[in-house]
Amino acid sequence: MGVLRNLNSFWIVVIFLIFSGCKKDGSDSSSDGSVSSLVNIPIGADEIIDTANAARLEFEQTLIDWDTIRQGENFDATFRFVNRGNRPALISAVRASCGCTATEYSSDPIPPGGSSDIKVTFNSYGREGYQKKSINVIGNTFPPRTLLYLQGFVEK
């Protein structure tokens, strides 16, 4: 009987901790300046996304063509953008479609009107012919994903 009582007490404490950790204090988290308030797109449970208050990345170009390079050469490119939205933009991930493409970007918030860039390096070693690589930019933006492309020809 003692073990059963201890087990019941354990679950009561666990349930109490879960519910006390979920308590809402009534403050508006969208204006507290915390990283968590930046990450979420402003949306209510039953609302359509308020795109006027979302971060919005506007890229100078979404496709860069390197024309022709020799196999084994690297091609470096920079995708520049401006945050045209009304809240800071946070890029959470930049994923290339191939291991032959490396990316570099800042994880710092980009304020409204601020600019930044994504540096990309394509390694043509082992590649030949026409190549088109995509780079998926994911963040707290609207739309939440932006596709960028590198393309060109690799000759032997």
N, C-alpha and C. Protein backbone atom coordinates (compact mmCIF):
# COMPACT_ATOMS: atom_id res chain seq x y z
N MET A 1 0.82 -1.19 0.00
CA MET A 1 0.00 0.00 0.00
C MET A 1 0.87 1.26 0.00
N GLY A 2 1.98 1.24 0.70
CA GLY A 2 2.86 2.40 0.77
C GLY A 2 3.43 2.77 -0.58
N VAL A 3 3.77 1.77 -1.39
CA VAL A 3 4.31 2.03 -2.72
C VAL A 3 3.26 2.69 -3.60
N LEU A 4 2.03 2.21 -3.52
CA LEU A 4 0.94 2.77 -4.31
C LEU A 4 0.69 4.22 -3.92
N ARG A 5 0.73 4.54 -2.64
CA ARG A 5 0.51 5.91 -2.18
C ARG A 5 1.65 6.81 -2.68
N ASN A 6 2.89 6.31 -2.63
CA ASN A 6 4.02 7.10 -3.12
C ASN A 6 3.91 7.34 -4.62
N LEU A 7 3.45 6.32 -5.35
CA LEU A 7 3.28 6.46 -6.79
C LEU A 7 2.19 7.50 -7.10
N ASN A 8 1.08 7.46 -6.38
CA ASN A 8 0.01 8.45 -6.57
C ASN A 8 0.52 9.85 -6.23
N SER A 9 1.28 9.99 -5.18
CA SER A 9 1.84 11.29 -4.81
C SER A 9 2.77 11.80 -5.90
N PHE A 10 3.55 10.91 -6.47
CA PHE A 10 4.46 11.29 -7.55
C PHE A 10 3.69 11.88 -8.72
N TRP A 11 2.61 11.21 -9.15
CA TRP A 11 1.83 11.67 -10.29
C TRP A 11 1.12 12.99 -9.98
N ILE A 12 0.69 13.17 -8.77
CA ILE A 12 0.05 14.43 -8.39
C ILE A 12 1.05 15.58 -8.52
N VAL A 13 2.27 15.36 -8.06
CA VAL A 13 3.31 16.39 -8.17
C VAL A 13 3.63 16.67 -9.64
N VAL A 14 3.74 15.63 -10.46
CA VAL A 14 4.04 15.80 -11.88
C VAL A 14 2.94 16.62 -12.56
N ILE A 15 1.69 16.28 -12.31
CA ILE A 15 0.56 16.99 -12.91
C ILE A 15 0.55 18.45 -12.44
N PHE A 16 0.81 18.68 -11.17
CA PHE A 16 0.87 20.05 -10.65
C PHE A 16 1.95 20.86 -11.36
N LEU A 17 3.12 20.27 -11.54
CA LEU A 17 4.22 20.98 -12.20
C LEU A 17 3.89 21.29 -13.67
N ILE A 18 3.23 20.36 -14.34
CA ILE A 18 2.86 20.59 -15.73
C ILE A 18 1.89 21.76 -15.83
N PHE A 19 0.86 21.76 -15.01
CA PHE A 19 -0.13 22.83 -15.09
C PHE A 19 0.39 24.16 -14.58
N SER A 20 1.23 24.16 -13.58
CA SER A 20 1.76 25.43 -13.09
C SER A 20 2.76 26.01 -14.08
N GLY A 21 3.44 25.18 -14.86
CA GLY A 21 4.37 25.66 -15.88
C GLY A 21 3.65 26.23 -17.08
N CYS A 22 2.39 25.86 -17.29
CA CYS A 22 1.63 26.33 -18.44
C CYS A 22 0.79 27.56 -18.12
N LYS A 23 0.90 28.10 -16.92
CA LYS A 23 0.10 29.22 -16.50
C LYS A 23 0.42 30.45 -17.34
N LYS A 24 -0.62 31.11 -17.83
CA LYS A 24 -0.45 32.33 -18.63
C LYS A 24 -0.54 33.51 -17.68
N ASP A 25 0.43 34.43 -17.78
CA ASP A 25 0.45 35.56 -16.86
C ASP A 25 -0.31 36.77 -17.39
N GLY A 26 -0.88 36.66 -18.61
CA GLY A 26 -1.67 37.74 -19.15
C GLY A 26 -0.87 38.78 -19.90
N SER A 27 0.44 38.70 -19.88
CA SER A 27 1.24 39.69 -20.62
C SER A 27 1.24 39.37 -22.09
N ASP A 28 1.45 40.39 -22.89
CA ASP A 28 1.48 40.22 -24.35
C ASP A 28 2.89 39.86 -24.76
N SER A 29 3.12 38.61 -25.18
CA SER A 29 4.47 38.16 -25.53
C SER A 29 4.94 38.71 -26.85
N SER A 30 4.06 39.32 -27.66
CA SER A 30 4.49 39.82 -28.96
C SER A 30 5.31 41.08 -28.85
N SER A 31 5.33 41.71 -27.68
CA SER A 31 6.07 42.96 -27.55
C SER A 31 7.14 42.91 -26.47
N ASP A 32 7.47 41.73 -25.98
CA ASP A 32 8.44 41.67 -24.89
C ASP A 32 9.89 41.65 -25.36
N GLY A 33 10.12 41.56 -26.68
CA GLY A 33 11.48 41.62 -27.21
C GLY A 33 12.26 40.33 -27.07
N SER A 34 11.66 39.28 -26.56
CA SER A 34 12.37 38.02 -26.41
C SER A 34 12.49 37.31 -27.76
N VAL A 35 13.44 36.40 -27.84
CA VAL A 35 13.62 35.64 -29.08
C VAL A 35 12.36 34.86 -29.40
N SER A 36 11.69 34.31 -28.39
CA SER A 36 10.49 33.52 -28.66
C SER A 36 9.38 34.38 -29.24
N SER A 37 9.32 35.66 -28.89
CA SER A 37 8.29 36.52 -29.49
C SER A 37 8.64 36.86 -30.93
N LEU A 38 9.91 36.77 -31.30
CA LEU A 38 10.32 37.03 -32.68
C LEU A 38 10.08 35.83 -33.58
N VAL A 39 10.23 34.63 -33.03
CA VAL A 39 10.17 33.42 -33.84
C VAL A 39 8.78 33.17 -34.39
N ASN A 40 7.76 33.41 -33.62
CA ASN A 40 6.40 33.11 -34.04
C ASN A 40 5.84 34.16 -34.97
N ILE A 41 5.17 33.70 -36.02
CA ILE A 41 4.42 34.61 -36.88
C ILE A 41 3.17 35.00 -36.10
N PRO A 42 2.80 36.28 -36.05
CA PRO A 42 1.65 36.69 -35.24
C PRO A 42 0.36 36.08 -35.77
N ILE A 43 -0.18 35.14 -35.03
CA ILE A 43 -1.38 34.44 -35.47
C ILE A 43 -2.13 33.94 -34.24
N GLY A 44 -3.42 34.03 -34.28
CA GLY A 44 -4.25 33.49 -33.22
C GLY A 44 -4.71 32.09 -33.60
N ALA A 45 -5.29 31.38 -32.65
CA ALA A 45 -5.70 30.00 -32.89
C ALA A 45 -6.74 29.90 -34.00
N ASP A 46 -7.64 30.86 -34.08
CA ASP A 46 -8.71 30.82 -35.08
C ASP A 46 -8.59 31.94 -36.10
N GLU A 47 -7.37 32.46 -36.28
CA GLU A 47 -7.19 33.60 -37.18
C GLU A 47 -6.34 33.23 -38.38
N ILE A 48 -6.49 34.01 -39.42
CA ILE A 48 -5.63 33.92 -40.59
C ILE A 48 -4.34 34.66 -40.25
N ILE A 49 -3.23 34.25 -40.82
CA ILE A 49 -1.95 34.90 -40.56
C ILE A 49 -2.06 36.39 -40.89
N ASP A 50 -1.63 37.21 -39.95
CA ASP A 50 -1.61 38.65 -40.15
C ASP A 50 -0.31 39.01 -40.85
N THR A 51 -0.33 39.00 -42.19
CA THR A 51 0.90 39.22 -42.95
C THR A 51 1.43 40.63 -42.80
N ALA A 52 0.59 41.58 -42.39
CA ALA A 52 1.06 42.95 -42.19
C ALA A 52 2.04 43.04 -41.04
N ASN A 53 1.95 42.13 -40.08
CA ASN A 53 2.85 42.15 -38.92
C ASN A 53 3.97 41.12 -39.00
N ALA A 54 4.08 40.42 -40.08
CA ALA A 54 5.10 39.38 -40.23
C ALA A 54 6.38 40.00 -40.82
N ALA A 55 7.50 39.33 -40.59
CA ALA A 55 8.74 39.68 -41.26
C ALA A 55 8.62 39.21 -42.71
N ARG A 56 9.21 39.96 -43.64
CA ARG A 56 9.11 39.60 -45.06
C ARG A 56 10.46 39.87 -45.70
N LEU A 57 11.10 38.81 -46.20
CA LEU A 57 12.41 38.96 -46.85
C LEU A 57 12.23 39.24 -48.33
N GLU A 58 12.87 40.30 -48.79
CA GLU A 58 12.86 40.64 -50.21
C GLU A 58 14.29 40.50 -50.74
N PHE A 59 14.51 39.49 -51.57
CA PHE A 59 15.83 39.21 -52.12
C PHE A 59 16.07 40.03 -53.37
N GLU A 60 17.32 40.52 -53.55
CA GLU A 60 17.69 41.22 -54.78
C GLU A 60 17.51 40.29 -55.97
N GLN A 61 17.86 39.02 -55.78
CA GLN A 61 17.68 38.01 -56.82
C GLN A 61 17.53 36.65 -56.14
N THR A 62 16.75 35.78 -56.76
CA THR A 62 16.55 34.45 -56.20
C THR A 62 17.22 33.38 -57.06
N LEU A 63 17.80 33.79 -58.19
CA LEU A 63 18.51 32.87 -59.08
C LEU A 63 19.83 33.52 -59.49
N ILE A 64 20.93 32.80 -59.27
CA ILE A 64 22.24 33.25 -59.71
C ILE A 64 22.79 32.20 -60.67
N ASP A 65 23.17 32.63 -61.85
CA ASP A 65 23.69 31.75 -62.89
C ASP A 65 25.19 31.98 -63.01
N TRP A 66 25.98 30.90 -62.87
CA TRP A 66 27.43 31.05 -62.96
C TRP A 66 27.97 30.83 -64.37
N ASP A 67 27.11 30.61 -65.32
CA ASP A 67 27.47 30.36 -66.72
C ASP A 67 28.25 29.05 -66.81
N THR A 68 29.59 29.08 -66.96
CA THR A 68 30.37 27.85 -67.10
C THR A 68 31.60 27.91 -66.19
N ILE A 69 31.82 26.83 -65.44
CA ILE A 69 33.05 26.69 -64.65
C ILE A 69 33.65 25.32 -64.95
N ARG A 70 34.92 25.18 -64.62
CA ARG A 70 35.60 23.91 -64.83
C ARG A 70 35.37 23.00 -63.62
N GLN A 71 35.29 21.72 -63.90
CA GLN A 71 35.08 20.74 -62.84
C GLN A 71 36.19 20.87 -61.81
N GLY A 72 35.81 20.88 -60.54
CA GLY A 72 36.76 21.02 -59.43
C GLY A 72 36.83 22.44 -58.89
N GLU A 73 36.32 23.41 -59.65
CA GLU A 73 36.32 24.80 -59.18
C GLU A 73 35.13 25.04 -58.25
N ASN A 74 35.30 26.02 -57.37
CA ASN A 74 34.20 26.47 -56.52
C ASN A 74 33.59 27.72 -57.11
N PHE A 75 32.29 27.88 -56.92
CA PHE A 75 31.61 29.11 -57.31
C PHE A 75 30.99 29.71 -56.06
N ASP A 76 31.36 30.95 -55.75
CA ASP A 76 30.83 31.66 -54.58
C ASP A 76 29.79 32.68 -55.04
N ALA A 77 28.70 32.75 -54.30
CA ALA A 77 27.64 33.71 -54.61
C ALA A 77 27.09 34.27 -53.31
N THR A 78 26.49 35.45 -53.41
CA THR A 78 25.86 36.08 -52.25
C THR A 78 24.45 36.51 -52.62
N PHE A 79 23.49 36.03 -51.84
CA PHE A 79 22.09 36.43 -52.00
C PHE A 79 21.82 37.51 -50.96
N ARG A 80 21.61 38.75 -51.39
CA ARG A 80 21.34 39.87 -50.49
C ARG A 80 19.84 40.07 -50.37
N PHE A 81 19.42 40.48 -49.15
CA PHE A 81 18.00 40.71 -48.93
C PHE A 81 17.77 41.82 -47.92
N VAL A 82 16.54 42.33 -47.92
CA VAL A 82 16.08 43.35 -46.98
C VAL A 82 14.83 42.81 -46.30
N ASN A 83 14.69 43.08 -45.01
CA ASN A 83 13.47 42.72 -44.29
C ASN A 83 12.45 43.84 -44.53
N ARG A 84 11.47 43.59 -45.38
CA ARG A 84 10.44 44.57 -45.71
C ARG A 84 9.21 44.43 -44.80
N GLY A 85 9.30 43.59 -43.78
CA GLY A 85 8.18 43.37 -42.87
C GLY A 85 8.19 44.37 -41.73
N ASN A 86 7.25 44.17 -40.80
CA ASN A 86 7.09 45.06 -39.66
C ASN A 86 7.57 44.48 -38.34
N ARG A 87 8.29 43.37 -38.40
CA ARG A 87 8.87 42.80 -37.18
C ARG A 87 10.21 42.20 -37.55
N PRO A 88 11.10 42.01 -36.57
CA PRO A 88 12.43 41.44 -36.87
C PRO A 88 12.32 40.05 -37.49
N ALA A 89 13.18 39.79 -38.44
CA ALA A 89 13.23 38.49 -39.11
C ALA A 89 14.33 37.64 -38.50
N LEU A 90 14.03 36.38 -38.28
CA LEU A 90 15.01 35.41 -37.80
C LEU A 90 15.07 34.27 -38.79
N ILE A 91 16.24 34.01 -39.32
CA ILE A 91 16.43 32.86 -40.19
C ILE A 91 16.80 31.69 -39.30
N SER A 92 15.98 30.65 -39.32
CA SER A 92 16.23 29.50 -38.45
C SER A 92 17.06 28.43 -39.13
N ALA A 93 17.01 28.37 -40.47
CA ALA A 93 17.79 27.37 -41.20
C ALA A 93 17.93 27.78 -42.65
N VAL A 94 19.05 27.39 -43.23
CA VAL A 94 19.28 27.53 -44.67
C VAL A 94 19.80 26.18 -45.13
N ARG A 95 19.00 25.48 -45.93
CA ARG A 95 19.33 24.11 -46.34
C ARG A 95 19.52 24.03 -47.84
N ALA A 96 20.67 23.50 -48.23
CA ALA A 96 20.96 23.31 -49.65
C ALA A 96 20.48 21.94 -50.09
N SER A 97 20.13 21.81 -51.37
CA SER A 97 19.60 20.55 -51.88
C SER A 97 20.69 19.50 -52.07
N CYS A 98 21.94 19.89 -51.94
CA CYS A 98 23.04 18.97 -52.22
C CYS A 98 24.19 19.25 -51.25
N GLY A 99 24.92 18.22 -50.88
CA GLY A 99 26.09 18.38 -50.04
C GLY A 99 27.21 19.15 -50.72
N CYS A 100 27.09 19.36 -52.03
CA CYS A 100 28.08 20.10 -52.79
C CYS A 100 27.92 21.61 -52.63
N THR A 101 26.89 22.03 -51.91
CA THR A 101 26.61 23.45 -51.73
C THR A 101 26.62 23.79 -50.25
N ALA A 102 27.51 24.70 -49.86
CA ALA A 102 27.62 25.13 -48.47
C ALA A 102 27.01 26.52 -48.32
N THR A 103 26.43 26.79 -47.14
CA THR A 103 25.81 28.09 -46.90
C THR A 103 26.37 28.72 -45.64
N GLU A 104 26.30 30.04 -45.59
CA GLU A 104 26.72 30.80 -44.41
C GLU A 104 25.75 31.97 -44.26
N TYR A 105 25.20 32.14 -43.04
CA TYR A 105 24.24 33.21 -42.79
C TYR A 105 24.29 33.59 -41.33
N SER A 106 23.75 34.76 -41.02
CA SER A 106 23.71 35.25 -39.65
C SER A 106 22.44 34.75 -38.95
N SER A 107 22.58 34.36 -37.70
CA SER A 107 21.41 33.96 -36.92
C SER A 107 20.87 35.12 -36.08
N ASP A 108 21.46 36.31 -36.25
CA ASP A 108 20.99 37.50 -35.53
C ASP A 108 19.68 38.00 -36.14
N PRO A 109 18.81 38.58 -35.34
CA PRO A 109 17.57 39.15 -35.88
C PRO A 109 17.88 40.29 -36.85
N ILE A 110 17.13 40.37 -37.94
CA ILE A 110 17.26 41.45 -38.91
C ILE A 110 16.07 42.38 -38.69
N PRO A 111 16.32 43.61 -38.24
CA PRO A 111 15.21 44.50 -37.92
C PRO A 111 14.45 44.92 -39.18
N PRO A 112 13.22 45.41 -39.02
CA PRO A 112 12.48 45.92 -40.18
C PRO A 112 13.32 46.99 -40.89
N GLY A 113 13.44 46.86 -42.19
CA GLY A 113 14.25 47.78 -42.98
C GLY A 113 15.72 47.39 -43.03
N GLY A 114 16.12 46.45 -42.19
CA GLY A 114 17.52 46.01 -42.15
C GLY A 114 17.82 45.03 -43.26
N SER A 115 19.11 44.85 -43.54
CA SER A 115 19.50 43.94 -44.61
C SER A 115 20.56 42.97 -44.12
N SER A 116 20.71 41.91 -44.86
CA SER A 116 21.73 40.89 -44.56
C SER A 116 21.96 40.11 -45.84
N ASP A 117 22.72 39.04 -45.74
CA ASP A 117 22.95 38.21 -46.91
C ASP A 117 23.18 36.76 -46.53
N ILE A 118 23.07 35.92 -47.54
CA ILE A 118 23.35 34.50 -47.40
C ILE A 118 24.44 34.18 -48.40
N LYS A 119 25.57 33.70 -47.89
CA LYS A 119 26.70 33.35 -48.76
C LYS A 119 26.60 31.87 -49.09
N VAL A 120 26.83 31.55 -50.36
CA VAL A 120 26.69 30.18 -50.85
C VAL A 120 27.94 29.82 -51.65
N THR A 121 28.43 28.59 -51.43
CA THR A 121 29.56 28.09 -52.21
C THR A 121 29.19 26.76 -52.82
N PHE A 122 29.28 26.69 -54.15
CA PHE A 122 29.04 25.45 -54.89
C PHE A 122 30.39 24.84 -55.22
N ASN A 123 30.59 23.57 -54.84
CA ASN A 123 31.82 22.83 -55.14
C ASN A 123 31.51 21.88 -56.30
N SER A 124 32.17 22.13 -57.44
CA SER A 124 31.86 21.36 -58.64
C SER A 124 32.63 20.04 -58.75
N TYR A 125 33.41 19.70 -57.73
CA TYR A 125 34.18 18.45 -57.79
C TYR A 125 33.22 17.26 -57.98
N GLY A 126 33.47 16.45 -58.98
CA GLY A 126 32.64 15.27 -59.26
C GLY A 126 31.36 15.58 -60.00
N ARG A 127 31.17 16.81 -60.40
CA ARG A 127 29.96 17.21 -61.12
C ARG A 127 30.33 17.48 -62.58
N GLU A 128 29.37 17.27 -63.45
CA GLU A 128 29.60 17.55 -64.87
C GLU A 128 28.26 17.85 -65.52
N GLY A 129 28.26 18.80 -66.45
CA GLY A 129 27.04 19.15 -67.17
C GLY A 129 26.27 20.24 -66.46
N TYR A 130 25.01 20.39 -66.85
CA TYR A 130 24.14 21.42 -66.28
C TYR A 130 23.83 21.08 -64.82
N GLN A 131 23.95 22.08 -63.95
CA GLN A 131 23.67 21.90 -62.53
C GLN A 131 22.70 23.00 -62.08
N LYS A 132 21.70 22.61 -61.29
CA LYS A 132 20.80 23.58 -60.66
C LYS A 132 20.59 23.13 -59.23
N LYS A 133 21.02 23.95 -58.29
CA LYS A 133 20.93 23.63 -56.87
C LYS A 133 20.00 24.61 -56.19
N SER A 134 19.15 24.10 -55.30
CA SER A 134 18.22 24.96 -54.57
C SER A 134 18.71 25.16 -53.14
N ILE A 135 18.37 26.31 -52.60
CA ILE A 135 18.71 26.66 -51.22
C ILE A 135 17.39 27.09 -50.58
N ASN A 136 17.00 26.41 -49.51
CA ASN A 136 15.74 26.65 -48.84
C ASN A 136 16.00 27.50 -47.60
N VAL A 137 15.46 28.73 -47.57
CA VAL A 137 15.62 29.65 -46.45
C VAL A 137 14.36 29.57 -45.60
N ILE A 138 14.52 29.21 -44.32
CA ILE A 138 13.39 29.00 -43.42
C ILE A 138 13.49 29.98 -42.26
N GLY A 139 12.38 30.64 -41.95
CA GLY A 139 12.40 31.60 -40.84
C GLY A 139 11.02 31.96 -40.35
N ASN A 140 10.97 32.99 -39.52
CA ASN A 140 9.71 33.48 -38.97
C ASN A 140 9.06 34.48 -39.92
N THR A 141 9.22 34.27 -41.19
CA THR A 141 8.81 35.21 -42.22
C THR A 141 7.52 34.78 -42.89
N PHE A 142 6.98 35.67 -43.70
CA PHE A 142 5.86 35.31 -44.57
C PHE A 142 6.30 35.57 -45.99
N PRO A 143 6.36 34.56 -46.84
CA PRO A 143 6.12 33.15 -46.53
C PRO A 143 7.25 32.57 -45.67
N PRO A 144 6.98 31.48 -44.95
CA PRO A 144 7.97 30.93 -44.03
C PRO A 144 9.17 30.27 -44.72
N ARG A 145 9.05 29.98 -46.01
CA ARG A 145 10.16 29.39 -46.78
C ARG A 145 10.35 30.18 -48.08
N THR A 146 11.61 30.41 -48.40
CA THR A 146 11.95 31.04 -49.67
C THR A 146 12.98 30.16 -50.36
N LEU A 147 12.76 29.88 -51.63
CA LEU A 147 13.71 29.08 -52.41
C LEU A 147 14.62 29.99 -53.22
N LEU A 148 15.92 29.73 -53.12
CA LEU A 148 16.93 30.40 -53.92
C LEU A 148 17.58 29.35 -54.80
N TYR A 149 18.15 29.78 -55.94
CA TYR A 149 18.74 28.82 -56.86
C TYR A 149 20.10 29.29 -57.37
N LEU A 150 20.99 28.32 -57.54
CA LEU A 150 22.26 28.48 -58.26
C LEU A 150 22.18 27.57 -59.47
N GLN A 151 22.64 28.04 -60.60
CA GLN A 151 22.65 27.17 -61.77
C GLN A 151 23.80 27.54 -62.69
N GLY A 152 24.17 26.57 -63.50
CA GLY A 152 25.22 26.79 -64.48
C GLY A 152 25.71 25.48 -65.04
N PHE A 153 26.74 25.57 -65.84
CA PHE A 153 27.30 24.41 -66.53
C PHE A 153 28.70 24.12 -65.97
N VAL A 154 28.98 22.84 -65.73
CA VAL A 154 30.30 22.40 -65.28
C VAL A 154 30.93 21.60 -66.42
N GLU A 155 32.10 22.08 -66.91
CA GLU A 155 32.78 21.37 -67.99
C GLU A 155 34.00 20.65 -67.43
N LYS A 156 34.39 19.55 -68.12
CA LYS A 156 35.58 18.79 -67.70
C LYS A 156 36.83 19.54 -67.99
